[in-house]
């Protein structure tokens, strides 16, 4: 679906792409809201971070829709690719990790 909408955007413009995107996504929205509510309940969370591949309109639209339904939602700036780049850059740096005390140490 992303390819279809992206191709429409490139060939026919934003309006045509958005119209098609809405028709593809609309039938799934009710189920998406319920699934997010269930996941938040299961993990005890209050807020959901939404992302798409490059941090574009899809994630912003979904976060907006979730907020309209009373959920706390934000987007991941730059999308998944930016997050992945940040994580990989962290691997290259020295991390100071402190070992947690095990059960025997805590009892002393």
C-alpha atoms as a PDB file:
ATOM      1  CA  UNK A   1       0.000   0.000   0.000  1.00  0.00           C
ATOM      2  CA  UNK A   2       2.893   2.345   0.795  1.00  0.00           C
ATOM      3  CA  UNK A   3       4.275   1.781  -2.699  1.00  0.00           C
ATOM      4  CA  UNK A   4       0.894   2.448  -4.319  1.00  0.00           C
ATOM      5  CA  UNK A   5       0.409   5.704  -2.424  1.00  0.00           C
ATOM      6  CA  UNK A   6       4.018   6.775  -2.970  1.00  0.00           C
ATOM      7  CA  UNK A   7       3.764   6.167  -6.698  1.00  0.00           C
ATOM      8  CA  UNK A   8       0.528   8.143  -6.866  1.00  0.00           C
ATOM      9  CA  UNK A   9       2.174  10.992  -4.963  1.00  0.00           C
ATOM     10  CA  UNK A  10       5.071  11.081  -7.416  1.00  0.00           C
ATOM     11  CA  UNK A  11       2.933  10.752 -10.535  1.00  0.00           C
ATOM     12  CA  UNK A  12      -0.319  12.561  -9.686  1.00  0.00           C
ATOM     13  CA  UNK A  13       0.412  14.675  -6.620  1.00  0.00           C
ATOM     14  CA  UNK A  14      -0.428  14.893  -2.946  1.00  0.00           C
ATOM     15  CA  UNK A  15      -4.208  15.087  -3.271  1.00  0.00           C
ATOM     16  CA  UNK A  16      -4.536  11.889  -5.318  1.00  0.00           C
ATOM     17  CA  UNK A  17      -2.188  10.050  -2.964  1.00  0.00           C
ATOM     18  CA  UNK A  18      -4.084  11.171   0.141  1.00  0.00           C
ATOM     19  CA  UNK A  19      -7.433  10.200  -1.334  1.00  0.00           C
ATOM     20  CA  UNK A  20      -6.185   6.698  -2.067  1.00  0.00           C
ATOM     21  CA  UNK A  21      -4.445   6.408   1.311  1.00  0.00           C
ATOM     22  CA  UNK A  22      -7.643   7.324   3.141  1.00  0.00           C
ATOM     23  CA  UNK A  23      -9.652   4.748   1.204  1.00  0.00           C
ATOM     24  CA  UNK A  24      -7.059   2.065   2.025  1.00  0.00           C
ATOM     25  CA  UNK A  25      -6.776   2.895   5.720  1.00  0.00           C
ATOM     26  CA  UNK A  26     -10.330   3.894   6.702  1.00  0.00           C
ATOM     27  CA  UNK A  27     -11.675   0.319   7.058  1.00  0.00           C
ATOM     28  CA  UNK A  28      -8.838  -0.521   9.485  1.00  0.00           C
ATOM     29  CA  UNK A  29      -9.099   2.451  11.866  1.00  0.00           C
ATOM     30  CA  UNK A  30     -11.609   1.036  14.366  1.00  0.00           C
ATOM     31  CA  UNK A  31      -9.564  -2.112  14.799  1.00  0.00           C
ATOM     32  CA  UNK A  32      -6.366  -0.095  15.142  1.00  0.00           C
ATOM     33  CA  UNK A  33      -7.770   2.011  17.989  1.00  0.00           C
ATOM     34  CA  UNK A  34      -8.981  -1.103  19.826  1.00  0.00           C
ATOM     35  CA  UNK A  35      -5.617  -2.811  19.366  1.00  0.00           C
ATOM     36  CA  UNK A  36      -3.698   0.193  20.731  1.00  0.00           C
ATOM     37  CA  UNK A  37      -6.070   0.406  23.704  1.00  0.00           C
ATOM     38  CA  UNK A  38      -5.554  -3.296  24.418  1.00  0.00           C
ATOM     39  CA  UNK A  39      -1.756  -3.042  24.131  1.00  0.00           C
ATOM     40  CA  UNK A  40      -1.628  -0.033  26.456  1.00  0.00           C
ATOM     41  CA  UNK A  41      -3.785  -1.872  28.974  1.00  0.00           C
ATOM     42  CA  UNK A  42      -1.634  -5.015  28.796  1.00  0.00           C
ATOM     43  CA  UNK A  43       1.659  -3.177  29.291  1.00  0.00           C
ATOM     44  CA  UNK A  44       0.318  -0.628  31.765  1.00  0.00           C
ATOM     45  CA  UNK A  45       1.369   2.207  29.496  1.00  0.00           C
ATOM     46  CA  UNK A  46      -0.247   5.574  29.017  1.00  0.00           C
ATOM     47  CA  UNK A  47       1.298   6.817  25.786  1.00  0.00           C
ATOM     48  CA  UNK A  48       2.035   5.257  22.429  1.00  0.00           C
ATOM     49  CA  UNK A  49       4.761   6.401  20.038  1.00  0.00           C
ATOM     50  CA  UNK A  50       3.837   5.999  16.393  1.00  0.00           C
ATOM     51  CA  UNK A  51       6.332   5.839  13.560  1.00  0.00           C
ATOM     52  CA  UNK A  52       6.510   5.101   9.904  1.00  0.00           C
ATOM     53  CA  UNK A  53       9.530   4.380   7.787  1.00  0.00           C
ATOM     54  CA  UNK A  54      10.669   7.976   7.268  1.00  0.00           C
ATOM     55  CA  UNK A  55       8.550   9.928   9.733  1.00  0.00           C
ATOM     56  CA  UNK A  56       6.023  11.227   7.244  1.00  0.00           C
ATOM     57  CA  UNK A  57       2.321  11.796   7.062  1.00  0.00           C
ATOM     58  CA  UNK A  58       1.187   8.274   7.964  1.00  0.00           C
ATOM     59  CA  UNK A  59       2.489   8.309  11.514  1.00  0.00           C
ATOM     60  CA  UNK A  60       1.264  11.846  12.100  1.00  0.00           C
ATOM     61  CA  UNK A  61      -2.188  10.957  10.836  1.00  0.00           C
ATOM     62  CA  UNK A  62      -2.423   7.864  13.020  1.00  0.00           C
ATOM     63  CA  UNK A  63      -1.200   9.752  16.106  1.00  0.00           C
ATOM     64  CA  UNK A  64      -3.767  12.489  15.422  1.00  0.00           C
ATOM     65  CA  UNK A  65      -6.552   9.910  15.111  1.00  0.00           C
ATOM     66  CA  UNK A  66      -5.490   8.173  18.345  1.00  0.00           C
ATOM     67  CA  UNK A  67      -5.503  11.527  20.176  1.00  0.00           C
ATOM     68  CA  UNK A  68      -9.016  12.185  18.858  1.00  0.00           C
ATOM     69  CA  UNK A  69     -10.017   8.933  20.577  1.00  0.00           C
ATOM     70  CA  UNK A  70      -8.593  10.155  23.883  1.00  0.00           C
ATOM     71  CA  UNK A  71      -5.282   8.299  23.774  1.00  0.00           C
ATOM     72  CA  UNK A  72      -1.896   9.896  24.407  1.00  0.00           C
ATOM     73  CA  UNK A  73       0.078   9.512  21.185  1.00  0.00           C
ATOM     74  CA  UNK A  74       3.212  11.063  19.765  1.00  0.00           C
ATOM     75  CA  UNK A  75       5.321  10.496  16.678  1.00  0.00           C
ATOM     76  CA  UNK A  76       8.922   9.390  16.479  1.00  0.00           C
ATOM     77  CA  UNK A  77      10.778  12.334  14.909  1.00  0.00           C
ATOM     78  CA  UNK A  78      12.418  11.230  11.689  1.00  0.00           C
ATOM     79  CA  UNK A  79      10.670   7.867  11.716  1.00  0.00           C
ATOM     80  CA  UNK A  80      12.129   4.429  12.166  1.00  0.00           C
ATOM     81  CA  UNK A  81      15.173   5.153  10.010  1.00  0.00           C
ATOM     82  CA  UNK A  82      16.252   8.056  12.236  1.00  0.00           C
ATOM     83  CA  UNK A  83      15.683   5.966  15.378  1.00  0.00           C
ATOM     84  CA  UNK A  84      17.679   3.063  13.944  1.00  0.00           C
ATOM     85  CA  UNK A  85      20.525   5.394  12.974  1.00  0.00           C
ATOM     86  CA  UNK A  86      20.589   6.770  16.524  1.00  0.00           C
ATOM     87  CA  UNK A  87      20.624   3.266  18.057  1.00  0.00           C
ATOM     88  CA  UNK A  88      23.456   2.137  15.779  1.00  0.00           C
ATOM     89  CA  UNK A  89      25.465   5.262  16.667  1.00  0.00           C
ATOM     90  CA  UNK A  90      25.076   4.388  20.347  1.00  0.00           C
ATOM     91  CA  UNK A  91      26.722   1.023  19.717  1.00  0.00           C
ATOM     92  CA  UNK A  92      29.829   2.863  18.577  1.00  0.00           C
ATOM     93  CA  UNK A  93      30.132   4.840  21.804  1.00  0.00           C
ATOM     94  CA  UNK A  94      31.379   3.651  25.152  1.00  0.00           C
ATOM     95  CA  UNK A  95      28.462   2.796  27.384  1.00  0.00           C
ATOM     96  CA  UNK A  96      28.901   2.777  31.127  1.00  0.00           C
ATOM     97  CA  UNK A  97      26.784  -0.094  32.402  1.00  0.00           C
ATOM     98  CA  UNK A  98      26.417  -0.747  36.091  1.00  0.00           C
ATOM     99  CA  UNK A  99      25.654  -4.315  37.068  1.00  0.00           C
ATOM    100  CA  UNK A 100      22.594  -4.667  39.264  1.00  0.00           C
ATOM    101  CA  UNK A 101      23.032  -6.476  42.560  1.00  0.00           C
ATOM    102  CA  UNK A 102      21.882 -10.071  42.498  1.00  0.00           C
ATOM    103  CA  UNK A 103      19.521 -11.492  45.138  1.00  0.00           C
ATOM    104  CA  UNK A 104      22.352 -12.636  47.440  1.00  0.00           C
ATOM    105  CA  UNK A 105      23.996  -9.210  47.424  1.00  0.00           C
ATOM    106  CA  UNK A 106      20.679  -7.460  48.112  1.00  0.00           C
ATOM    107  CA  UNK A 107      20.077  -9.632  51.200  1.00  0.00           C
ATOM    108  CA  UNK A 108      23.335  -8.507  52.833  1.00  0.00           C
END
